[in-house]
């Protein structure tokens, strides 16, 4: 009698473990898909920033040179001490 109960308990536990494995696989797939979507969005945003920077370089090269010179002076004064 006791052996029968042990086998039933073992079978129930094995089913629960299999169900947990399946759930873990589903969670991992969802996480991978979610991460891939964020990576794609980040790549697109970086591409947009680079394109906007390139456009600004072409449209205003002198002002960009002045801003770079000013930043260089600020960093030079800051780290000179």
Protein backbone atom coordinates (compact mmCIF):
# COMPACT_ATOMS: atom_id res chain seq x y z
CA UNK A 1 0.00 0.00 0.00
CA UNK A 2 2.72 2.40 0.96
CA UNK A 3 4.73 1.56 -2.15
CA UNK A 4 1.72 2.41 -4.33
CA UNK A 5 1.38 5.81 -2.66
CA UNK A 6 5.08 6.50 -3.17
CA UNK A 7 4.80 5.69 -6.87
CA UNK A 8 1.80 8.00 -7.24
CA UNK A 9 3.65 10.80 -5.48
CA UNK A 10 6.69 10.23 -7.69
CA UNK A 11 4.54 10.35 -10.83
CA UNK A 12 2.89 13.58 -9.72
CA UNK A 13 6.27 15.13 -8.95
CA UNK A 14 7.66 14.09 -12.35
CA UNK A 15 4.66 15.66 -14.09
CA UNK A 16 5.18 18.86 -12.09
CA UNK A 17 8.87 18.92 -12.97
CA UNK A 18 8.10 18.43 -16.67
CA UNK A 19 5.52 21.22 -16.52
CA UNK A 20 8.08 23.51 -14.85
CA UNK A 21 10.65 22.69 -17.54
CA UNK A 22 8.14 23.59 -20.26
CA UNK A 23 7.27 26.83 -18.49
CA UNK A 24 10.97 27.70 -18.15
CA UNK A 25 11.50 27.14 -21.88
CA UNK A 26 8.55 29.41 -22.68
CA UNK A 27 9.84 32.12 -20.35
CA UNK A 28 13.30 31.90 -21.93
CA UNK A 29 11.83 32.24 -25.43
CA UNK A 30 9.77 35.26 -24.38
CA UNK A 31 12.80 36.87 -22.74
CA UNK A 32 14.91 36.28 -25.85
CA UNK A 33 12.25 37.80 -28.11
CA UNK A 34 11.85 40.79 -25.79
CA UNK A 35 15.61 41.36 -25.64
CA UNK A 36 15.91 41.09 -29.42
CA UNK A 37 13.21 43.73 -29.85
CA UNK A 38 15.07 46.08 -27.50
CA UNK A 39 18.36 45.49 -29.32
CA UNK A 40 16.74 46.27 -32.67
CA UNK A 41 15.17 49.44 -31.29
CA UNK A 42 18.50 50.55 -29.81
CA UNK A 43 20.29 49.92 -33.12
CA UNK A 44 17.68 52.01 -34.91
CA UNK A 45 18.03 54.87 -32.42
CA UNK A 46 21.82 54.83 -32.70
CA UNK A 47 21.50 54.92 -36.48
CA UNK A 48 19.16 57.92 -36.22
CA UNK A 49 21.56 59.77 -33.91
CA UNK A 50 24.49 59.10 -36.25
CA UNK A 51 22.47 60.28 -39.26
CA UNK A 52 21.44 63.48 -37.45
CA UNK A 53 25.05 64.09 -36.39
CA UNK A 54 26.23 63.63 -39.97
CA UNK A 55 23.58 66.08 -41.19
CA UNK A 56 24.67 68.64 -38.58
CA UNK A 57 28.31 68.19 -39.56
CA UNK A 58 27.45 68.89 -43.19
CA UNK A 59 25.16 71.83 -42.44
CA UNK A 60 27.18 73.65 -39.74
CA UNK A 61 30.86 72.71 -39.86
CA UNK A 62 32.19 76.01 -38.49
CA UNK A 63 29.90 76.12 -35.45
CA UNK A 64 30.74 72.50 -34.71
CA UNK A 65 34.43 73.33 -34.90
CA UNK A 66 33.89 76.20 -32.45
CA UNK A 67 31.96 73.97 -30.05
CA UNK A 68 34.73 71.36 -30.21
CA UNK A 69 37.35 74.00 -29.53
CA UNK A 70 35.36 75.32 -26.52
CA UNK A 71 34.94 71.80 -25.11
CA UNK A 72 38.66 71.19 -25.56
CA UNK A 73 39.45 74.36 -23.62
CA UNK A 74 37.05 73.41 -20.83
CA UNK A 75 38.50 69.92 -20.51
CA UNK A 76 42.02 71.31 -20.66
CA UNK A 77 41.33 73.77 -17.86
CA UNK A 78 39.53 71.14 -15.79
CA UNK A 79 42.20 68.45 -15.94
CA UNK A 80 45.25 70.71 -16.02
CA UNK A 81 45.38 71.04 -12.23
